[in-house]
Amino acid sequence: MKQAAKHLGMKDERFIRRLVAERRIAYSKFGTHVRIKVSVLEEYMRASEVPAIPVRRRMRRAA
């Protein structure tokens, strides 16, 4: 969990734990150990990306 949080640039692993608990990302569980593939984290980041909107500049009229 700590490594996954670090990969996403977070200092806390609570968000990763919530993603796993809500089954919003794929993971493997071995006993009490949870493993998340780097590719799964990167896909989640790509899917969560919000594109920027270009800013329109207003034309000023001469007075």
PDB file of N, CA and C in Angstrom:
ATOM      1  N   MET A   1       0.820  -1.190   0.000  1.00  0.00           N
ATOM      2  CA  MET A   1       0.000   0.000   0.000  1.00  0.00           C
ATOM      3  C   MET A   1       0.866   1.256   0.000  1.00  0.00           C
ATOM      4  N   LYS A   2       1.916   1.229   0.817  1.00  0.00           N
ATOM      5  CA  LYS A   2       2.795   2.400   0.875  1.00  0.00           C
ATOM      6  C   LYS A   2       3.467   2.649  -0.461  1.00  0.00           C
ATOM      7  N   GLN A   3       3.915   1.583  -1.104  1.00  0.00           N
ATOM      8  CA  GLN A   3       4.575   1.738  -2.396  1.00  0.00           C
ATOM      9  C   GLN A   3       3.603   2.231  -3.460  1.00  0.00           C
ATOM     10  N   ALA A   4       2.370   1.756  -3.418  1.00  0.00           N
ATOM     11  CA  ALA A   4       1.363   2.205  -4.380  1.00  0.00           C
ATOM     12  C   ALA A   4       1.053   3.686  -4.173  1.00  0.00           C
ATOM     13  N   ALA A   5       0.928   4.099  -2.925  1.00  0.00           N
ATOM     14  CA  ALA A   5       0.678   5.509  -2.629  1.00  0.00           C
ATOM     15  C   ALA A   5       1.851   6.369  -3.093  1.00  0.00           C
ATOM     16  N   LYS A   6       3.051   5.892  -2.867  1.00  0.00           N
ATOM     17  CA  LYS A   6       4.240   6.628  -3.292  1.00  0.00           C
ATOM     18  C   LYS A   6       4.288   6.734  -4.811  1.00  0.00           C
ATOM     19  N   HIS A   7       3.912   5.675  -5.506  1.00  0.00           N
ATOM     20  CA  HIS A   7       3.898   5.688  -6.971  1.00  0.00           C
ATOM     21  C   HIS A   7       2.912   6.729  -7.505  1.00  0.00           C
ATOM     22  N   LEU A   8       1.801   6.904  -6.806  1.00  0.00           N
ATOM     23  CA  LEU A   8       0.809   7.899  -7.224  1.00  0.00           C
ATOM     24  C   LEU A   8       1.128   9.303  -6.709  1.00  0.00           C
ATOM     25  N   GLY A   9       2.218   9.422  -5.945  1.00  0.00           N
ATOM     26  CA  GLY A   9       2.626  10.735  -5.449  1.00  0.00           C
ATOM     27  C   GLY A   9       1.867  11.179  -4.219  1.00  0.00           C
ATOM     28  N   MET A  10       1.409  10.237  -3.422  1.00  0.00           N
ATOM     29  CA  MET A  10       0.663  10.547  -2.203  1.00  0.00           C
ATOM     30  C   MET A  10       1.518  10.196  -0.993  1.00  0.00           C
ATOM     31  N   LYS A  11       1.335  10.950   0.082  1.00  0.00           N
ATOM     32  CA  LYS A  11       2.097  10.650   1.289  1.00  0.00           C
ATOM     33  C   LYS A  11       1.365   9.687   2.217  1.00  0.00           C
ATOM     34  N   ASP A  12       0.084   9.475   1.965  1.00  0.00           N
ATOM     35  CA  ASP A  12      -0.743   8.635   2.829  1.00  0.00           C
ATOM     36  C   ASP A  12      -1.342   7.505   2.003  1.00  0.00           C
ATOM     37  N   GLU A  13      -1.496   6.349   2.587  1.00  0.00           N
ATOM     38  CA  GLU A  13      -2.029   5.199   1.866  1.00  0.00           C
ATOM     39  C   GLU A  13      -3.528   5.015   2.037  1.00  0.00           C
ATOM     40  N   ARG A  14      -4.202   5.917   2.729  1.00  0.00           N
ATOM     41  CA  ARG A  14      -5.647   5.772   2.968  1.00  0.00           C
ATOM     42  C   ARG A  14      -6.437   5.724   1.662  1.00  0.00           C
ATOM     43  N   PHE A  15      -6.055   6.557   0.687  1.00  0.00           N
ATOM     44  CA  PHE A  15      -6.761   6.587  -0.591  1.00  0.00           C
ATOM     45  C   PHE A  15      -6.647   5.245  -1.305  1.00  0.00           C
ATOM     46  N   ILE A  16      -5.469   4.657  -1.287  1.00  0.00           N
ATOM     47  CA  ILE A  16      -5.258   3.356  -1.924  1.00  0.00           C
ATOM     48  C   ILE A  16      -6.102   2.297  -1.229  1.00  0.00           C
ATOM     49  N   ARG A  17      -6.137   2.331   0.085  1.00  0.00           N
ATOM     50  CA  ARG A  17      -6.957   1.374   0.842  1.00  0.00           C
ATOM     51  C   ARG A  17      -8.436   1.524   0.482  1.00  0.00           C
ATOM     52  N   ARG A  18      -8.886   2.758   0.284  1.00  0.00           N
ATOM     53  CA  ARG A  18     -10.283   2.996  -0.090  1.00  0.00           C
ATOM     54  C   ARG A  18     -10.567   2.462  -1.489  1.00  0.00           C
ATOM     55  N   LEU A  19      -9.635   2.666  -2.428  1.00  0.00           N
ATOM     56  CA  LEU A  19      -9.813   2.132  -3.782  1.00  0.00           C
ATOM     57  C   LEU A  19      -9.942   0.613  -3.756  1.00  0.00           C
ATOM     58  N   VAL A  20      -9.146  -0.036  -2.930  1.00  0.00           N
ATOM     59  CA  VAL A  20      -9.195  -1.495  -2.806  1.00  0.00           C
ATOM     60  C   VAL A  20     -10.508  -1.918  -2.139  1.00  0.00           C
ATOM     61  N   ALA A  21     -10.887  -1.245  -1.068  1.00  0.00           N
ATOM     62  CA  ALA A  21     -12.111  -1.609  -0.337  1.00  0.00           C
ATOM     63  C   ALA A  21     -13.348  -1.455  -1.212  1.00  0.00           C
ATOM     64  N   GLU A  22     -13.360  -0.418  -2.057  1.00  0.00           N
ATOM     65  CA  GLU A  22     -14.503  -0.180  -2.949  1.00  0.00           C
ATOM     66  C   GLU A  22     -14.380  -0.954  -4.258  1.00  0.00           C
ATOM     67  N   ARG A  23     -13.280  -1.722  -4.401  1.00  0.00           N
ATOM     68  CA  ARG A  23     -12.990  -2.516  -5.592  1.00  0.00           C
ATOM     69  C   ARG A  23     -12.997  -1.670  -6.859  1.00  0.00           C
ATOM     70  N   ARG A  24     -12.425  -0.485  -6.744  1.00  0.00           N
ATOM     71  CA  ARG A  24     -12.329   0.415  -7.894  1.00  0.00           C
ATOM     72  C   ARG A  24     -11.070   0.144  -8.705  1.00  0.00           C
ATOM     73  N   ILE A  25     -10.121  -0.617  -8.147  1.00  0.00           N
ATOM     74  CA  ILE A  25      -8.935  -1.051  -8.875  1.00  0.00           C
ATOM     75  C   ILE A  25      -8.743  -2.546  -8.650  1.00  0.00           C
ATOM     76  N   ALA A  26      -8.087  -3.177  -9.620  1.00  0.00           N
ATOM     77  CA  ALA A  26      -7.823  -4.617  -9.507  1.00  0.00           C
ATOM     78  C   ALA A  26      -6.636  -4.844  -8.578  1.00  0.00           C
ATOM     79  N   TYR A  27      -6.695  -5.916  -7.819  1.00  0.00           N
ATOM     80  CA  TYR A  27      -5.612  -6.264  -6.902  1.00  0.00           C
ATOM     81  C   TYR A  27      -5.603  -7.766  -6.679  1.00  0.00           C
ATOM     82  N   SER A  28      -4.503  -8.249  -6.150  1.00  0.00           N
ATOM     83  CA  SER A  28      -4.384  -9.653  -5.771  1.00  0.00           C
ATOM     84  C   SER A  28      -4.163  -9.705  -4.273  1.00  0.00           C
ATOM     85  N   LYS A  29      -4.749 -10.702  -3.628  1.00  0.00           N
ATOM     86  CA  LYS A  29      -4.616 -10.820  -2.186  1.00  0.00           C
ATOM     87  C   LYS A  29      -4.033 -12.182  -1.854  1.00  0.00           C
ATOM     88  N   PHE A  30      -2.935 -12.185  -1.095  1.00  0.00           N
ATOM     89  CA  PHE A  30      -2.279 -13.401  -0.643  1.00  0.00           C
ATOM     90  C   PHE A  30      -2.279 -13.374   0.872  1.00  0.00           C
ATOM     91  N   GLY A  31      -3.238 -14.037   1.470  1.00  0.00           N
ATOM     92  CA  GLY A  31      -3.382 -13.984   2.928  1.00  0.00           C
ATOM     93  C   GLY A  31      -3.797 -12.580   3.327  1.00  0.00           C
ATOM     94  N   THR A  32      -2.954 -11.912   4.087  1.00  0.00           N
ATOM     95  CA  THR A  32      -3.256 -10.531   4.490  1.00  0.00           C
ATOM     96  C   THR A  32      -2.552  -9.507   3.607  1.00  0.00           C
ATOM     97  N   HIS A  33      -1.754  -9.985   2.650  1.00  0.00           N
ATOM     98  CA  HIS A  33      -0.982  -9.095   1.785  1.00  0.00           C
ATOM     99  C   HIS A  33      -1.767  -8.751   0.523  1.00  0.00           C
ATOM    100  N   VAL A  34      -1.800  -7.483   0.192  1.00  0.00           N
ATOM    101  CA  VAL A  34      -2.472  -7.011  -1.012  1.00  0.00           C
ATOM    102  C   VAL A  34      -1.410  -6.551  -1.995  1.00  0.00           C
ATOM    103  N   ARG A  35      -1.512  -7.015  -3.237  1.00  0.00           N
ATOM    104  CA  ARG A  35      -0.568  -6.634  -4.287  1.00  0.00           C
ATOM    105  C   ARG A  35      -1.328  -5.931  -5.400  1.00  0.00           C
ATOM    106  N   ILE A  36      -0.780  -4.809  -5.835  1.00  0.00           N
ATOM    107  CA  ILE A  36      -1.378  -4.027  -6.916  1.00  0.00           C
ATOM    108  C   ILE A  36      -0.316  -3.843  -7.988  1.00  0.00           C
ATOM    109  N   LYS A  37      -0.636  -4.189  -9.226  1.00  0.00           N
ATOM    110  CA  LYS A  37       0.312  -4.042 -10.321  1.00  0.00           C
ATOM    111  C   LYS A  37       0.502  -2.566 -10.657  1.00  0.00           C
ATOM    112  N   VAL A  38       1.701  -2.217 -11.066  1.00  0.00           N
ATOM    113  CA  VAL A  38       1.997  -0.840 -11.476  1.00  0.00           C
ATOM    114  C   VAL A  38       1.130  -0.465 -12.667  1.00  0.00           C
ATOM    115  N   SER A  39       0.898  -1.406 -13.562  1.00  0.00           N
ATOM    116  CA  SER A  39       0.068  -1.124 -14.739  1.00  0.00           C
ATOM    117  C   SER A  39      -1.363  -0.755 -14.337  1.00  0.00           C
ATOM    118  N   VAL A  40      -1.864  -1.356 -13.271  1.00  0.00           N
ATOM    119  CA  VAL A  40      -3.216  -1.032 -12.781  1.00  0.00           C
ATOM    120  C   VAL A  40      -3.244   0.397 -12.247  1.00  0.00           C
ATOM    121  N   LEU A  41      -2.217   0.778 -11.511  1.00  0.00           N
ATOM    122  CA  LEU A  41      -2.150   2.145 -10.984  1.00  0.00           C
ATOM    123  C   LEU A  41      -2.042   3.164 -12.108  1.00  0.00           C
ATOM    124  N   GLU A  42      -1.223   2.863 -13.108  1.00  0.00           N
ATOM    125  CA  GLU A  42      -1.060   3.788 -14.227  1.00  0.00           C
ATOM    126  C   GLU A  42      -2.341   3.902 -15.044  1.00  0.00           C
ATOM    127  N   GLU A  43      -3.063   2.802 -15.217  1.00  0.00           N
ATOM    128  CA  GLU A  43      -4.340   2.840 -15.930  1.00  0.00           C
ATOM    129  C   GLU A  43      -5.359   3.667 -15.155  1.00  0.00           C
ATOM    130  N   TYR A  44      -5.373   3.522 -13.825  1.00  0.00           N
ATOM    131  CA  TYR A  44      -6.280   4.319 -13.003  1.00  0.00           C
ATOM    132  C   TYR A  44      -5.964   5.811 -13.153  1.00  0.00           C
ATOM    133  N   MET A  45      -4.670   6.141 -13.184  1.00  0.00           N
ATOM    134  CA  MET A  45      -4.273   7.541 -13.347  1.00  0.00           C
ATOM    135  C   MET A  45      -4.708   8.063 -14.712  1.00  0.00           C
ATOM    136  N   ARG A  46      -4.538   7.266 -15.759  1.00  0.00           N
ATOM    137  CA  ARG A  46      -4.954   7.694 -17.109  1.00  0.00           C
ATOM    138  C   ARG A  46      -6.459   7.884 -17.177  1.00  0.00           C
ATOM    139  N   ALA A  47      -7.207   6.980 -16.568  1.00  0.00           N
ATOM    140  CA  ALA A  47      -8.672   7.072 -16.606  1.00  0.00           C
ATOM    141  C   ALA A  47      -9.192   8.255 -15.792  1.00  0.00           C
ATOM    142  N   SER A  48      -8.431   8.687 -14.794  1.00  0.00           N
ATOM    143  CA  SER A  48      -8.863   9.786 -13.931  1.00  0.00           C
ATOM    144  C   SER A  48      -8.410  11.158 -14.428  1.00  0.00           C
ATOM    145  N   GLU A  49      -7.648  11.165 -15.502  1.00  0.00           N
ATOM    146  CA  GLU A  49      -7.101  12.423 -16.006  1.00  0.00           C
ATOM    147  C   GLU A  49      -8.198  13.284 -16.618  1.00  0.00           C
ATOM    148  N   VAL A  50      -8.179  14.553 -16.283  1.00  0.00           N
ATOM    149  CA  VAL A  50      -9.144  15.513 -16.812  1.00  0.00           C
ATOM    150  C   VAL A  50      -8.397  16.429 -17.784  1.00  0.00           C
ATOM    151  N   PRO A  51      -8.839  16.496 -19.040  1.00  0.00           N
ATOM    152  CA  PRO A  51      -8.131  17.329 -20.009  1.00  0.00           C
ATOM    153  C   PRO A  51      -8.315  18.815 -19.723  1.00  0.00           C
ATOM    154  N   ALA A  52      -7.299  19.578 -20.072  1.00  0.00           N
ATOM    155  CA  ALA A  52      -7.360  21.026 -19.881  1.00  0.00           C
ATOM    156  C   ALA A  52      -8.240  21.652 -20.956  1.00  0.00           C
ATOM    157  N   ILE A  53      -8.883  22.744 -20.606  1.00  0.00           N
ATOM    158  CA  ILE A  53      -9.714  23.486 -21.547  1.00  0.00           C
ATOM    159  C   ILE A  53      -8.947  24.732 -21.952  1.00  0.00           C
ATOM    160  N   PRO A  54      -8.791  24.954 -23.264  1.00  0.00           N
ATOM    161  CA  PRO A  54      -8.069  26.155 -23.688  1.00  0.00           C
ATOM    162  C   PRO A  54      -8.848  27.415 -23.305  1.00  0.00           C
ATOM    163  N   VAL A  55      -8.118  28.423 -22.887  1.00  0.00           N
ATOM    164  CA  VAL A  55      -8.734  29.676 -22.462  1.00  0.00           C
ATOM    165  C   VAL A  55      -8.938  30.571 -23.679  1.00  0.00           C
ATOM    166  N   ARG A  56     -10.150  31.091 -23.808  1.00  0.00           N
ATOM    167  CA  ARG A  56     -10.436  32.034 -24.903  1.00  0.00           C
ATOM    168  C   ARG A  56     -10.069  33.422 -24.434  1.00  0.00           C
ATOM    169  N   ARG A  57      -9.407  34.129 -25.277  1.00  0.00           N
ATOM    170  CA  ARG A  57      -9.050  35.506 -24.949  1.00  0.00           C
ATOM    171  C   ARG A  57     -10.052  36.430 -25.602  1.00  0.00           C
ATOM    172  N   ARG A  58     -10.487  37.405 -24.868  1.00  0.00           N
ATOM    173  CA  ARG A  58     -11.453  38.363 -25.374  1.00  0.00           C
ATOM    174  C   ARG A  58     -10.727  39.461 -26.142  1.00  0.00           C
ATOM    175  N   MET A  59     -11.316  39.835 -27.223  1.00  0.00           N
ATOM    176  CA  MET A  59     -10.747  40.934 -28.018  1.00  0.00           C
ATOM    177  C   MET A  59     -11.237  42.244 -27.416  1.00  0.00           C
ATOM    178  N   ARG A  60     -10.311  43.139 -27.188  1.00  0.00           N
ATOM    179  CA  ARG A  60     -10.690  44.452 -26.667  1.00  0.00           C
ATOM    180  C   ARG A  60     -11.020  45.384 -27.827  1.00  0.00           C
ATOM    181  N   ARG A  61     -12.048  46.143 -27.619  1.00  0.00           N
ATOM    182  CA  ARG A  61     -12.429  47.124 -28.639  1.00  0.00           C
ATOM    183  C   ARG A  61     -11.729  48.441 -28.366  1.00  0.00           C
ATOM    184  N   ALA A  62     -11.410  49.108 -29.413  1.00  0.00           N
ATOM    185  CA  ALA A  62     -10.809  50.426 -29.276  1.00  0.00           C
ATOM    186  C   ALA A  62     -11.899  51.402 -28.851  1.00  0.00           C
ATOM    187  N   ALA A  63     -11.557  52.308 -27.950  1.00  0.00           N
ATOM    188  CA  ALA A  63     -12.567  53.252 -27.447  1.00  0.00           C
ATOM    189  C   ALA A  63     -12.761  54.427 -28.361  1.00  0.00           C
TER     190      ALA A  63
END
